[in-house]
Every structure is written in C-alpha cells, then in structure tokens.
C-alpha atoms as a PDB file:
ATOM      1  CA  MET A   1     -84.577   1.339  -6.331  1.00  0.00           C
ATOM      2  CA  ALA A   2     -86.449  -0.925  -8.739  1.00  0.00           C
ATOM      3  CA  GLU A   3     -90.155  -0.061  -9.556  1.00  0.00           C
ATOM      4  CA  LEU A   4     -92.639  -1.981  -7.427  1.00  0.00           C
ATOM      5  CA  TYR A   5     -94.586  -2.870 -10.514  1.00  0.00           C
ATOM      6  CA  ASN A   6     -95.095  -1.779 -14.177  1.00  0.00           C
ATOM      7  CA  ALA A   7     -97.776   0.953 -13.867  1.00  0.00           C
ATOM      8  CA  ALA A   8     -98.052   0.968 -17.693  1.00  0.00           C
ATOM      9  CA  ALA A   9     -99.031  -2.661 -18.022  1.00  0.00           C
ATOM     10  CA  PRO A  10    -102.248  -3.346 -19.465  1.00  0.00           C
ATOM     11  CA  LYS A  11    -105.376  -3.855 -17.396  1.00  0.00           C
ATOM     12  CA  LYS A  12    -106.518  -7.477 -17.080  1.00  0.00           C
ATOM     13  CA  ALA A  13    -110.054  -8.663 -15.870  1.00  0.00           C
ATOM     14  CA  ALA A  14    -110.071 -10.684 -12.629  1.00  0.00           C
ATOM     15  CA  ASN A  15    -112.815 -12.526 -10.825  1.00  0.00           C
ATOM     16  CA  LEU A  16    -113.042 -11.888  -7.070  1.00  0.00           C
ATOM     17  CA  SER A  17    -115.196 -12.885  -4.258  1.00  0.00           C
ATOM     18  CA  ILE A  18    -116.145 -10.153  -1.785  1.00  0.00           C
ATOM     19  CA  ASN A  19    -118.528  -9.673   1.013  1.00  0.00           C
ATOM     20  CA  SER A  20    -121.804  -8.784  -0.585  1.00  0.00           C
ATOM     21  CA  ASP A  21    -122.789  -6.143   2.071  1.00  0.00           C
ATOM     22  CA  LEU A  22    -119.218  -4.439   1.685  1.00  0.00           C
ATOM     23  CA  LEU A  23    -119.610  -4.476  -2.065  1.00  0.00           C
ATOM     24  CA  ARG A  24    -123.171  -2.990  -1.827  1.00  0.00           C
ATOM     25  CA  LYS A  25    -122.017  -0.295   0.341  1.00  0.00           C
ATOM     26  CA  ALA A  26    -118.984   0.549  -1.827  1.00  0.00           C
ATOM     27  CA  ARG A  27    -121.238   0.756  -4.891  1.00  0.00           C
ATOM     28  CA  ASP A  28    -123.697   3.006  -3.034  1.00  0.00           C
ATOM     29  CA  LEU A  29    -120.925   5.416  -2.313  1.00  0.00           C
ATOM     30  CA  LYS A  30    -119.656   5.128  -5.934  1.00  0.00           C
ATOM     31  CA  VAL A  31    -116.175   3.719  -4.885  1.00  0.00           C
ATOM     32  CA  ASN A  32    -114.094   2.958  -7.914  1.00  0.00           C
ATOM     33  CA  LEU A  33    -113.385  -0.753  -7.169  1.00  0.00           C
ATOM     34  CA  SER A  34    -110.572  -1.194  -9.514  1.00  0.00           C
ATOM     35  CA  ALA A  35    -108.578   1.893  -8.400  1.00  0.00           C
ATOM     36  CA  THR A  36    -109.218   1.071  -4.745  1.00  0.00           C
ATOM     37  CA  LEU A  37    -107.976  -2.522  -5.127  1.00  0.00           C
ATOM     38  CA  GLU A  38    -104.873  -1.443  -7.253  1.00  0.00           C
ATOM     39  CA  ARG A  39    -104.070   1.094  -4.375  1.00  0.00           C
ATOM     40  CA  ALA A  40    -104.452  -1.523  -1.739  1.00  0.00           C
ATOM     41  CA  LEU A  41    -102.425  -4.059  -3.665  1.00  0.00           C
ATOM     42  CA  LYS A  42     -99.619  -1.518  -4.270  1.00  0.00           C
ATOM     43  CA  GLU A  43     -99.490  -0.785  -0.562  1.00  0.00           C
ATOM     44  CA  GLU A  44     -99.431  -4.446   0.449  1.00  0.00           C
ATOM     45  CA  LEU A  45     -96.744  -5.254  -2.154  1.00  0.00           C
ATOM     46  CA  ALA A  46     -94.528  -2.267  -0.773  1.00  0.00           C
ATOM     47  CA  LYS A  47     -95.036  -3.542   2.726  1.00  0.00           C
ATOM     48  CA  ARG A  48     -94.073  -7.111   1.956  1.00  0.00           C
ATOM     49  CA  GLU A  49     -91.194  -6.231  -0.178  1.00  0.00           C
ATOM     50  CA  ALA A  50     -89.837  -3.946   2.533  1.00  0.00           C
ATOM     51  CA  ALA A  51     -90.248  -6.801   5.082  1.00  0.00           C
ATOM     52  CA  GLN A  52     -88.400  -9.123   2.592  1.00  0.00           C
ATOM     53  CA  TRP A  53     -85.641  -6.607   2.224  1.00  0.00           C
ATOM     54  CA  VAL A  54     -85.177  -6.277   5.934  1.00  0.00           C
ATOM     55  CA  GLU A  55     -85.095 -10.160   6.311  1.00  0.00           C
ATOM     56  CA  ALA A  56     -82.628 -10.401   3.447  1.00  0.00           C
ATOM     57  CA  ASN A  57     -80.368  -7.813   4.999  1.00  0.00           C
ATOM     58  CA  ARG A  58     -80.807  -8.645   8.565  1.00  0.00           C
ATOM     59  CA  ALA A  59     -77.198  -9.828   9.242  1.00  0.00           C
ATOM     60  CA  ALA A  60     -75.743  -6.699   7.514  1.00  0.00           C
ATOM     61  CA  ILE A  61     -78.056  -4.451   9.540  1.00  0.00           C
ATOM     62  CA  LYS A  62     -77.048  -6.195  12.856  1.00  0.00           C
ATOM     63  CA  SER A  63     -73.295  -5.855  11.871  1.00  0.00           C
ATOM     64  CA  TYR A  64     -73.594  -2.263  11.122  1.00  0.00           C
ATOM     65  CA  ASN A  65     -75.585  -1.512  14.346  1.00  0.00           C
ATOM     66  CA  ASP A  66     -72.929  -3.541  16.370  1.00  0.00           C
ATOM     67  CA  PHE A  67     -70.099  -1.489  14.668  1.00  0.00           C
ATOM     68  CA  VAL A  68     -71.822   1.815  15.405  1.00  0.00           C
ATOM     69  CA  GLU A  69     -72.400   0.758  19.069  1.00  0.00           C
ATOM     70  CA  GLN A  70     -68.826  -0.105  19.434  1.00  0.00           C
ATOM     71  CA  HIS A  71     -67.186   2.652  17.388  1.00  0.00           C
ATOM     72  CA  GLY A  72     -69.758   5.414  16.931  1.00  0.00           C
ATOM     73  CA  CYS A  73     -70.881   6.883  13.726  1.00  0.00           C
ATOM     74  CA  PHE A  74     -68.705   8.428  11.174  1.00  0.00           C
ATOM     75  CA  GLY A  75     -68.485  12.212  11.752  1.00  0.00           C
ATOM     76  CA  ASP A  76     -69.686  12.072  15.453  1.00  0.00           C
ATOM     77  CA  GLU A  77     -66.777  14.248  16.492  1.00  0.00           C
ATOM     78  CA  PHE A  78     -68.362  17.001  14.274  1.00  0.00           C
ATOM     79  CA  ARG A  79     -71.777  16.897  15.688  1.00  0.00           C
ATOM     80  CA  ASP A  80     -72.837  19.720  18.002  1.00  0.00           C
ATOM     81  CA  PHE A  81     -76.184  18.285  19.094  1.00  0.00           C
END
C-alpha cells in the first residue's frame, strides 16, 4: 500500500484561524499544536482515502459479495466452525 504522505518532507509554516478559547485552553495545557494538527490531518486523510478506495472499488466488492453469496467462499468445505 502506498504511503499516506511523505513523513520526511520538510515542515512548512501555515496560517490558521482557530477559536480563540480553544487555542487559549490548548496553550494553557501545553498542547503541541503542530503535532496535534499533523495527527488529526493524518487521521482525516486516511479516512477519506479509505472512503475513496471503497467508492472506486464498489462494483468489484459487490461482484465478489454476490459470488460468495451464490457459491460460498473458497475452502468452505474445510471449515469446522
């Protein structure tokens, strides 16, 4: 599977707008904003790429599920559960 992003890419400054109370509370608790944003973006990217994969493969998934429903899974005769 291809990497989600290049973790070794250099850092780049970005200007963001954020709720001032949320920012104040995060700073009070010494939350690392950059690391937290990177982690949240990584999770969001993974979720969206997974959804795109499912959509791109929807027909194949349906075809496979229809086949299994009709013919069973390979090796079913060897299952003892």
